[in-house]
Amino acid sequence: MDSEVGTPKQSVNEHTSLPTNDAMPQSAMPIVGIGASAGGIEALGSFFDAMPPDSGCAFVVVLHLDPKHESEMAHILSARTAMPVAQVREGMPVERDHVYVIAPDTELRVQEGKLRVSRPSTSRGPRHPVDVLFASIASSKRERAIAIVLSGTGNNGSQGLREIRAEGGMSLVQAPETAKFDGMPRSAIAADMADHVLAPEMMPEVVLRYVRHGYVAAPA
């Protein structure tokens, strides 16, 4: 586990370039799953402010939402990135350099390059939609799976990180001292499931280094 909160940010141009997006086969596209709840909107904004729009990754965001109200999350994130941002609909294909946001009162999975939406598996008690997403990305993308846990309460995401790492992917966790609510980050750290512990604005640099490494960037 690395703690890099104080590490000076480097220019993304210092790293070896990825193949062009057109040249990269779809099977080689990394998917970044991001889970958050309370305090997550601010953390997501900081992350996407720092993430270049042409990383070659797809981003899938699960945020705990009020199940009885329409979400404005896609609109909010559109102001923080030049990438297209959409609320997920059943069967949407996952495309590189796009951001997908979960709809209220749903669970979200990535399967065979598409986004699958279902009703929550439990109607009562704690729900763990972040774990559901992470597990599906781990199974679909293996070493090209990247999971990020941001601000939130409870332990949602910790089990999903275990599956991401078991398949050879990478996990990043928000540094608790930078989170408005540190329950989810602290749970992941206590479970020893964090490859990197960082402030959200420092995470894109680590993601870019990872996806440009030969282990991930080689053709599938």
C-alpha atoms as a PDB file:
ATOM      1  CA  MET A   1       0.000   0.000   0.000  1.00  0.00           C
ATOM      2  CA  ASP A   2       1.367   3.389  -0.970  1.00  0.00           C
ATOM      3  CA  SER A   3       0.501   6.631   0.775  1.00  0.00           C
ATOM      4  CA  GLU A   4       1.050   9.423  -1.742  1.00  0.00           C
ATOM      5  CA  VAL A   5      -1.084  12.301  -0.512  1.00  0.00           C
ATOM      6  CA  GLY A   6       1.871  14.670  -0.401  1.00  0.00           C
ATOM      7  CA  THR A   7       3.532  13.542  -3.634  1.00  0.00           C
ATOM      8  CA  PRO A   8       3.955  16.423  -6.120  1.00  0.00           C
ATOM      9  CA  LYS A   9       1.805  15.894  -9.157  1.00  0.00           C
ATOM     10  CA  GLN A  10       3.707  15.156 -12.357  1.00  0.00           C
ATOM     11  CA  SER A  11       2.670  16.117 -15.841  1.00  0.00           C
ATOM     12  CA  VAL A  12       0.820  13.372 -17.639  1.00  0.00           C
ATOM     13  CA  ASN A  13       3.008  14.147 -20.637  1.00  0.00           C
ATOM     14  CA  GLU A  14       6.013  12.689 -18.823  1.00  0.00           C
ATOM     15  CA  HIS A  15       4.708   9.171 -19.354  1.00  0.00           C
ATOM     16  CA  THR A  16       4.867   7.006 -22.428  1.00  0.00           C
ATOM     17  CA  SER A  17       1.810   7.524 -24.569  1.00  0.00           C
ATOM     18  CA  LEU A  18      -0.878   4.900 -24.948  1.00  0.00           C
ATOM     19  CA  PRO A  19      -1.769   3.643 -28.397  1.00  0.00           C
ATOM     20  CA  THR A  20      -4.304   5.904 -30.027  1.00  0.00           C
ATOM     21  CA  ASN A  21      -7.858   5.186 -28.960  1.00  0.00           C
ATOM     22  CA  ASP A  22      -8.773   4.082 -32.471  1.00  0.00           C
ATOM     23  CA  ALA A  23      -5.869   1.604 -32.532  1.00  0.00           C
ATOM     24  CA  MET A  24      -6.629   0.083 -29.112  1.00  0.00           C
ATOM     25  CA  PRO A  25      -8.874  -2.979 -29.346  1.00  0.00           C
ATOM     26  CA  GLN A  26     -12.042  -2.769 -27.277  1.00  0.00           C
ATOM     27  CA  SER A  27     -10.998  -5.837 -25.297  1.00  0.00           C
ATOM     28  CA  ALA A  28      -7.910  -3.969 -24.088  1.00  0.00           C
ATOM     29  CA  MET A  29      -9.879  -0.992 -22.752  1.00  0.00           C
ATOM     30  CA  PRO A  30      -9.420  -0.569 -18.981  1.00  0.00           C
ATOM     31  CA  ILE A  31     -12.537   0.115 -16.932  1.00  0.00           C
ATOM     32  CA  VAL A  32     -12.377   2.281 -13.827  1.00  0.00           C
ATOM     33  CA  GLY A  33     -15.131   1.607 -11.302  1.00  0.00           C
ATOM     34  CA  ILE A  34     -15.688   4.374  -8.739  1.00  0.00           C
ATOM     35  CA  GLY A  35     -17.757   3.945  -5.591  1.00  0.00           C
ATOM     36  CA  ALA A  36     -18.821   6.643  -3.136  1.00  0.00           C
ATOM     37  CA  SER A  37     -21.667   7.753  -0.911  1.00  0.00           C
ATOM     38  CA  ALA A  38     -21.821  10.661   1.561  1.00  0.00           C
ATOM     39  CA  GLY A  39     -19.325  13.355   0.575  1.00  0.00           C
ATOM     40  CA  GLY A  40     -18.690  11.631  -2.720  1.00  0.00           C
ATOM     41  CA  ILE A  41     -19.767  14.407  -5.063  1.00  0.00           C
ATOM     42  CA  GLU A  42     -16.924  16.685  -3.981  1.00  0.00           C
ATOM     43  CA  ALA A  43     -14.406  13.837  -4.232  1.00  0.00           C
ATOM     44  CA  LEU A  44     -15.664  12.870  -7.694  1.00  0.00           C
ATOM     45  CA  GLY A  45     -15.326  16.463  -8.841  1.00  0.00           C
ATOM     46  CA  SER A  46     -11.714  16.617  -7.679  1.00  0.00           C
ATOM     47  CA  PHE A  47     -10.953  13.329  -9.428  1.00  0.00           C
ATOM     48  CA  PHE A  48     -12.451  14.299 -12.777  1.00  0.00           C
ATOM     49  CA  ASP A  49     -10.933  17.785 -12.650  1.00  0.00           C
ATOM     50  CA  ALA A  50      -7.540  16.070 -12.746  1.00  0.00           C
ATOM     51  CA  MET A  51      -8.314  13.211 -15.160  1.00  0.00           C
ATOM     52  CA  PRO A  52      -7.436  13.889 -18.812  1.00  0.00           C
ATOM     53  CA  PRO A  53     -10.336  13.277 -21.197  1.00  0.00           C
ATOM     54  CA  ASP A  54      -8.308  10.965 -23.468  1.00  0.00           C
ATOM     55  CA  SER A  55      -6.951   8.325 -21.087  1.00  0.00           C
ATOM     56  CA  GLY A  56      -8.441   5.462 -23.081  1.00  0.00           C
ATOM     57  CA  CYS A  57     -10.372   4.250 -20.026  1.00  0.00           C
ATOM     58  CA  ALA A  58     -14.087   4.013 -19.391  1.00  0.00           C
ATOM     59  CA  PHE A  59     -15.380   5.245 -16.023  1.00  0.00           C
ATOM     60  CA  VAL A  60     -18.383   3.759 -14.240  1.00  0.00           C
ATOM     61  CA  VAL A  61     -19.611   5.614 -11.134  1.00  0.00           C
ATOM     62  CA  VAL A  62     -21.778   4.157  -8.382  1.00  0.00           C
ATOM     63  CA  LEU A  63     -23.008   6.743  -5.888  1.00  0.00           C
ATOM     64  CA  HIS A  64     -25.616   6.105  -3.221  1.00  0.00           C
ATOM     65  CA  LEU A  65     -28.648   8.036  -4.442  1.00  0.00           C
ATOM     66  CA  ASP A  66     -32.091   8.767  -3.082  1.00  0.00           C
ATOM     67  CA  PRO A  67     -34.201   6.041  -4.732  1.00  0.00           C
ATOM     68  CA  LYS A  68     -37.256   8.305  -4.889  1.00  0.00           C
ATOM     69  CA  HIS A  69     -35.708  11.223  -6.763  1.00  0.00           C
ATOM     70  CA  GLU A  70     -34.157  11.687 -10.180  1.00  0.00           C
ATOM     71  CA  SER A  71     -30.397  12.016 -10.105  1.00  0.00           C
ATOM     72  CA  GLU A  72     -28.555  15.136 -11.284  1.00  0.00           C
ATOM     73  CA  MET A  73     -25.216  13.348 -11.002  1.00  0.00           C
ATOM     74  CA  ALA A  74     -24.563  13.098 -14.731  1.00  0.00           C
ATOM     75  CA  HIS A  75     -25.250  16.820 -15.135  1.00  0.00           C
ATOM     76  CA  ILE A  76     -22.998  17.685 -12.187  1.00  0.00           C
ATOM     77  CA  LEU A  77     -20.064  15.622 -13.474  1.00  0.00           C
ATOM     78  CA  SER A  78     -20.477  17.000 -17.002  1.00  0.00           C
ATOM     79  CA  ALA A  79     -19.272  20.322 -15.618  1.00  0.00           C
ATOM     80  CA  ARG A  80     -16.069  18.672 -14.320  1.00  0.00           C
ATOM     81  CA  THR A  81     -14.888  16.754 -17.401  1.00  0.00           C
ATOM     82  CA  ALA A  82     -14.805  17.055 -21.173  1.00  0.00           C
ATOM     83  CA  MET A  83     -15.745  13.377 -21.489  1.00  0.00           C
ATOM     84  CA  PRO A  84     -19.349  12.534 -22.343  1.00  0.00           C
ATOM     85  CA  VAL A  85     -21.285  11.699 -19.154  1.00  0.00           C
ATOM     86  CA  ALA A  86     -24.481   9.655 -19.176  1.00  0.00           C
ATOM     87  CA  GLN A  87     -26.816   8.054 -16.672  1.00  0.00           C
ATOM     88  CA  VAL A  88     -26.768   4.332 -17.333  1.00  0.00           C
ATOM     89  CA  ARG A  89     -29.533   2.609 -19.274  1.00  0.00           C
ATOM     90  CA  GLU A  90     -29.841  -1.152 -19.688  1.00  0.00           C
ATOM     91  CA  GLY A  91     -27.616  -2.527 -22.425  1.00  0.00           C
ATOM     92  CA  MET A  92     -25.530   0.591 -23.056  1.00  0.00           C
ATOM     93  CA  PRO A  93     -22.152  -0.316 -24.585  1.00  0.00           C
ATOM     94  CA  VAL A  94     -19.111   0.710 -22.566  1.00  0.00           C
ATOM     95  CA  GLU A  95     -16.950   3.104 -24.583  1.00  0.00           C
ATOM     96  CA  ARG A  96     -13.522   4.484 -23.796  1.00  0.00           C
ATOM     97  CA  ASP A  97     -13.258   8.088 -22.647  1.00  0.00           C
ATOM     98  CA  HIS A  98     -16.872   8.075 -21.443  1.00  0.00           C
ATOM     99  CA  VAL A  99     -18.318   8.368 -17.926  1.00  0.00           C
ATOM    100  CA  TYR A 100     -21.357   6.344 -16.861  1.00  0.00           C
ATOM    101  CA  VAL A 101     -23.359   7.094 -13.707  1.00  0.00           C
ATOM    102  CA  ILE A 102     -25.698   4.668 -11.936  1.00  0.00           C
ATOM    103  CA  ALA A 103     -29.435   5.429 -11.926  1.00  0.00           C
ATOM    104  CA  PRO A 104     -31.330   5.681  -8.614  1.00  0.00           C
ATOM    105  CA  ASP A 105     -32.605   2.472  -6.987  1.00  0.00           C
ATOM    106  CA  THR A 106     -30.625   0.119  -9.236  1.00  0.00           C
ATOM    107  CA  GLU A 107     -27.646  -2.197  -9.228  1.00  0.00           C
ATOM    108  CA  LEU A 108     -25.143  -1.957 -12.050  1.00  0.00           C
ATOM    109  CA  ARG A 109     -22.865  -4.552 -13.627  1.00  0.00           C
ATOM    110  CA  VAL A 110     -20.460  -4.667 -16.551  1.00  0.00           C
ATOM    111  CA  GLN A 111     -20.930  -7.791 -18.649  1.00  0.00           C
ATOM    112  CA  GLU A 112     -19.512  -8.527 -22.100  1.00  0.00           C
ATOM    113  CA  GLY A 113     -18.782  -4.898 -22.798  1.00  0.00           C
ATOM    114  CA  LYS A 114     -22.245  -3.646 -21.860  1.00  0.00           C
ATOM    115  CA  LEU A 115     -23.847  -2.095 -18.788  1.00  0.00           C
ATOM    116  CA  ARG A 116     -26.507  -4.220 -17.143  1.00  0.00           C
ATOM    117  CA  VAL A 117     -29.059  -2.584 -14.846  1.00  0.00           C
ATOM    118  CA  SER A 118     -31.206  -4.482 -12.355  1.00  0.00           C
ATOM    119  CA  ARG A 119     -33.342  -3.837  -9.311  1.00  0.00           C
ATOM    120  CA  PRO A 120     -31.496  -4.078  -5.986  1.00  0.00           C
ATOM    121  CA  SER A 121     -31.083  -7.662  -4.842  1.00  0.00           C
ATOM    122  CA  THR A 122     -32.219  -6.742  -1.316  1.00  0.00           C
ATOM    123  CA  SER A 123     -35.222  -4.557  -0.527  1.00  0.00           C
ATOM    124  CA  ARG A 124     -34.293  -4.152   3.128  1.00  0.00           C
ATOM    125  CA  GLY A 125     -31.110  -3.706   5.078  1.00  0.00           C
ATOM    126  CA  PRO A 126     -27.740  -2.494   3.780  1.00  0.00           C
ATOM    127  CA  ARG A 127     -27.186  -2.514   0.042  1.00  0.00           C
ATOM    128  CA  HIS A 128     -23.758  -2.875  -1.495  1.00  0.00           C
ATOM    129  CA  PRO A 129     -24.013  -1.610  -5.087  1.00  0.00           C
ATOM    130  CA  VAL A 130     -20.317  -0.685  -5.136  1.00  0.00           C
ATOM    131  CA  ASP A 131     -19.350  -4.287  -4.379  1.00  0.00           C
ATOM    132  CA  VAL A 132     -21.705  -5.474  -7.143  1.00  0.00           C
ATOM    133  CA  LEU A 133     -20.057  -3.193  -9.709  1.00  0.00           C
ATOM    134  CA  PHE A 134     -16.498  -3.982  -8.644  1.00  0.00           C
ATOM    135  CA  ALA A 135     -17.103  -7.744  -8.774  1.00  0.00           C
ATOM    136  CA  SER A 136     -18.465  -7.490 -12.316  1.00  0.00           C
ATOM    137  CA  ILE A 137     -15.524  -5.385 -13.495  1.00  0.00           C
ATOM    138  CA  ALA A 138     -13.071  -7.814 -11.903  1.00  0.00           C
ATOM    139  CA  SER A 139     -14.668 -10.715 -13.750  1.00  0.00           C
ATOM    140  CA  SER A 140     -14.909  -8.837 -17.061  1.00  0.00           C
ATOM    141  CA  LYS A 141     -11.582  -7.023 -17.206  1.00  0.00           C
ATOM    142  CA  ARG A 142      -9.203  -8.806 -14.793  1.00  0.00           C
ATOM    143  CA  GLU A 143      -5.859  -6.907 -14.857  1.00  0.00           C
ATOM    144  CA  ARG A 144      -7.564  -4.081 -16.759  1.00  0.00           C
ATOM    145  CA  ALA A 145      -9.953  -3.515 -13.846  1.00  0.00           C
ATOM    146  CA  ILE A 146      -9.354  -0.483 -11.632  1.00  0.00           C
ATOM    147  CA  ALA A 147     -11.476   0.201  -8.559  1.00  0.00           C
ATOM    148  CA  ILE A 148     -11.645   3.430  -6.572  1.00  0.00           C
ATOM    149  CA  VAL A 149     -13.307   3.921  -3.183  1.00  0.00           C
ATOM    150  CA  LEU A 150     -14.104   7.507  -2.252  1.00  0.00           C
ATOM    151  CA  SER A 151     -15.824   9.265   0.645  1.00  0.00           C
ATOM    152  CA  GLY A 152     -18.735   7.439   2.246  1.00  0.00           C
ATOM    153  CA  THR A 153     -20.067   5.671   5.296  1.00  0.00           C
ATOM    154  CA  GLY A 154     -20.108   1.948   6.032  1.00  0.00           C
ATOM    155  CA  ASN A 155     -18.036  -0.736   4.321  1.00  0.00           C
ATOM    156  CA  ASN A 156     -19.497  -0.730   0.805  1.00  0.00           C
ATOM    157  CA  GLY A 157     -16.707  -1.481  -1.672  1.00  0.00           C
ATOM    158  CA  SER A 158     -14.307  -3.417   0.545  1.00  0.00           C
ATOM    159  CA  GLN A 159     -15.405  -6.860  -0.651  1.00  0.00           C
ATOM    160  CA  GLY A 160     -15.417  -5.699  -4.259  1.00  0.00           C
ATOM    161  CA  LEU A 161     -11.828  -4.494  -3.911  1.00  0.00           C
ATOM    162  CA  ARG A 162     -10.885  -7.988  -2.763  1.00  0.00           C
ATOM    163  CA  GLU A 163     -12.233  -9.400  -6.023  1.00  0.00           C
ATOM    164  CA  ILE A 164     -10.530  -6.714  -8.117  1.00  0.00           C
ATOM    165  CA  ARG A 165      -7.152  -7.540  -6.592  1.00  0.00           C
ATOM    166  CA  ALA A 166      -7.707 -11.295  -6.813  1.00  0.00           C
ATOM    167  CA  GLU A 167      -8.077 -10.917 -10.590  1.00  0.00           C
ATOM    168  CA  GLY A 168      -4.904  -8.830 -10.925  1.00  0.00           C
ATOM    169  CA  GLY A 169      -6.486  -5.363 -11.042  1.00  0.00           C
ATOM    170  CA  MET A 170      -5.598  -2.256  -9.053  1.00  0.00           C
ATOM    171  CA  SER A 171      -7.345  -0.564  -6.114  1.00  0.00           C
ATOM    172  CA  LEU A 172      -7.204   3.054  -4.975  1.00  0.00           C
ATOM    173  CA  VAL A 173      -8.743   4.418  -1.793  1.00  0.00           C
ATOM    174  CA  GLN A 174      -9.290   8.021  -0.775  1.00  0.00           C
ATOM    175  CA  ALA A 175      -7.005   9.137   2.033  1.00  0.00           C
ATOM    176  CA  PRO A 176      -9.342   9.284   5.060  1.00  0.00           C
ATOM    177  CA  GLU A 177      -8.116  12.700   6.142  1.00  0.00           C
ATOM    178  CA  THR A 178      -9.272  14.143   2.797  1.00  0.00           C
ATOM    179  CA  ALA A 179     -12.736  12.525   2.912  1.00  0.00           C
ATOM    180  CA  LYS A 180     -15.826  14.225   4.344  1.00  0.00           C
ATOM    181  CA  PHE A 181     -16.952  10.796   5.530  1.00  0.00           C
ATOM    182  CA  ASP A 182     -14.160   8.308   6.061  1.00  0.00           C
ATOM    183  CA  GLY A 183     -16.096   5.090   6.771  1.00  0.00           C
ATOM    184  CA  MET A 184     -15.726   3.504   3.333  1.00  0.00           C
ATOM    185  CA  PRO A 185     -12.049   4.455   2.944  1.00  0.00           C
ATOM    186  CA  ARG A 186     -11.144   3.280   6.450  1.00  0.00           C
ATOM    187  CA  SER A 187     -12.987  -0.011   5.940  1.00  0.00           C
ATOM    188  CA  ALA A 188     -11.033  -0.711   2.755  1.00  0.00           C
ATOM    189  CA  ILE A 189      -7.727   0.210   4.383  1.00  0.00           C
ATOM    190  CA  ALA A 190      -8.454  -1.891   7.479  1.00  0.00           C
ATOM    191  CA  ALA A 191      -9.190  -4.867   5.210  1.00  0.00           C
ATOM    192  CA  ASP A 192      -5.768  -4.328   3.569  1.00  0.00           C
ATOM    193  CA  MET A 193      -7.441  -3.903   0.191  1.00  0.00           C
ATOM    194  CA  ALA A 194      -5.839  -0.592  -0.858  1.00  0.00           C
ATOM    195  CA  ASP A 195      -2.944  -0.599  -3.312  1.00  0.00           C
ATOM    196  CA  HIS A 196      -2.764   3.200  -3.078  1.00  0.00           C
ATOM    197  CA  VAL A 197      -4.169   5.661  -0.527  1.00  0.00           C
ATOM    198  CA  LEU A 198      -4.449   9.105  -2.077  1.00  0.00           C
ATOM    199  CA  ALA A 199      -6.345  12.354  -2.256  1.00  0.00           C
ATOM    200  CA  PRO A 200      -8.787  12.177  -5.204  1.00  0.00           C
ATOM    201  CA  GLU A 201      -6.895  14.735  -7.278  1.00  0.00           C
ATOM    202  CA  MET A 202      -3.758  12.576  -7.058  1.00  0.00           C
ATOM    203  CA  MET A 203      -5.452   9.397  -8.313  1.00  0.00           C
ATOM    204  CA  PRO A 204      -5.533  10.112 -12.083  1.00  0.00           C
ATOM    205  CA  GLU A 205      -1.741  10.147 -12.283  1.00  0.00           C
ATOM    206  CA  VAL A 206      -1.575   6.686 -10.731  1.00  0.00           C
ATOM    207  CA  VAL A 207      -4.335   5.388 -13.012  1.00  0.00           C
ATOM    208  CA  LEU A 208      -2.485   6.671 -16.080  1.00  0.00           C
ATOM    209  CA  ARG A 209       0.781   5.064 -14.993  1.00  0.00           C
ATOM    210  CA  TYR A 210      -0.993   1.773 -14.475  1.00  0.00           C
ATOM    211  CA  VAL A 211      -2.852   1.642 -17.796  1.00  0.00           C
ATOM    212  CA  ARG A 212       0.302   2.632 -19.675  1.00  0.00           C
ATOM    213  CA  HIS A 213       2.336  -0.164 -18.135  1.00  0.00           C
ATOM    214  CA  GLY A 214       3.092  -3.031 -20.491  1.00  0.00           C
ATOM    215  CA  TYR A 215       1.196  -5.456 -18.250  1.00  0.00           C
ATOM    216  CA  VAL A 216      -2.048  -3.641 -19.011  1.00  0.00           C
ATOM    217  CA  ALA A 217      -1.407  -1.815 -22.283  1.00  0.00           C
ATOM    218  CA  ALA A 218      -0.423  -4.926 -24.269  1.00  0.00           C
ATOM    219  CA  PRO A 219      -3.082  -6.254 -26.647  1.00  0.00           C
ATOM    220  CA  ALA A 220      -5.581  -8.520 -24.973  1.00  0.00           C
END
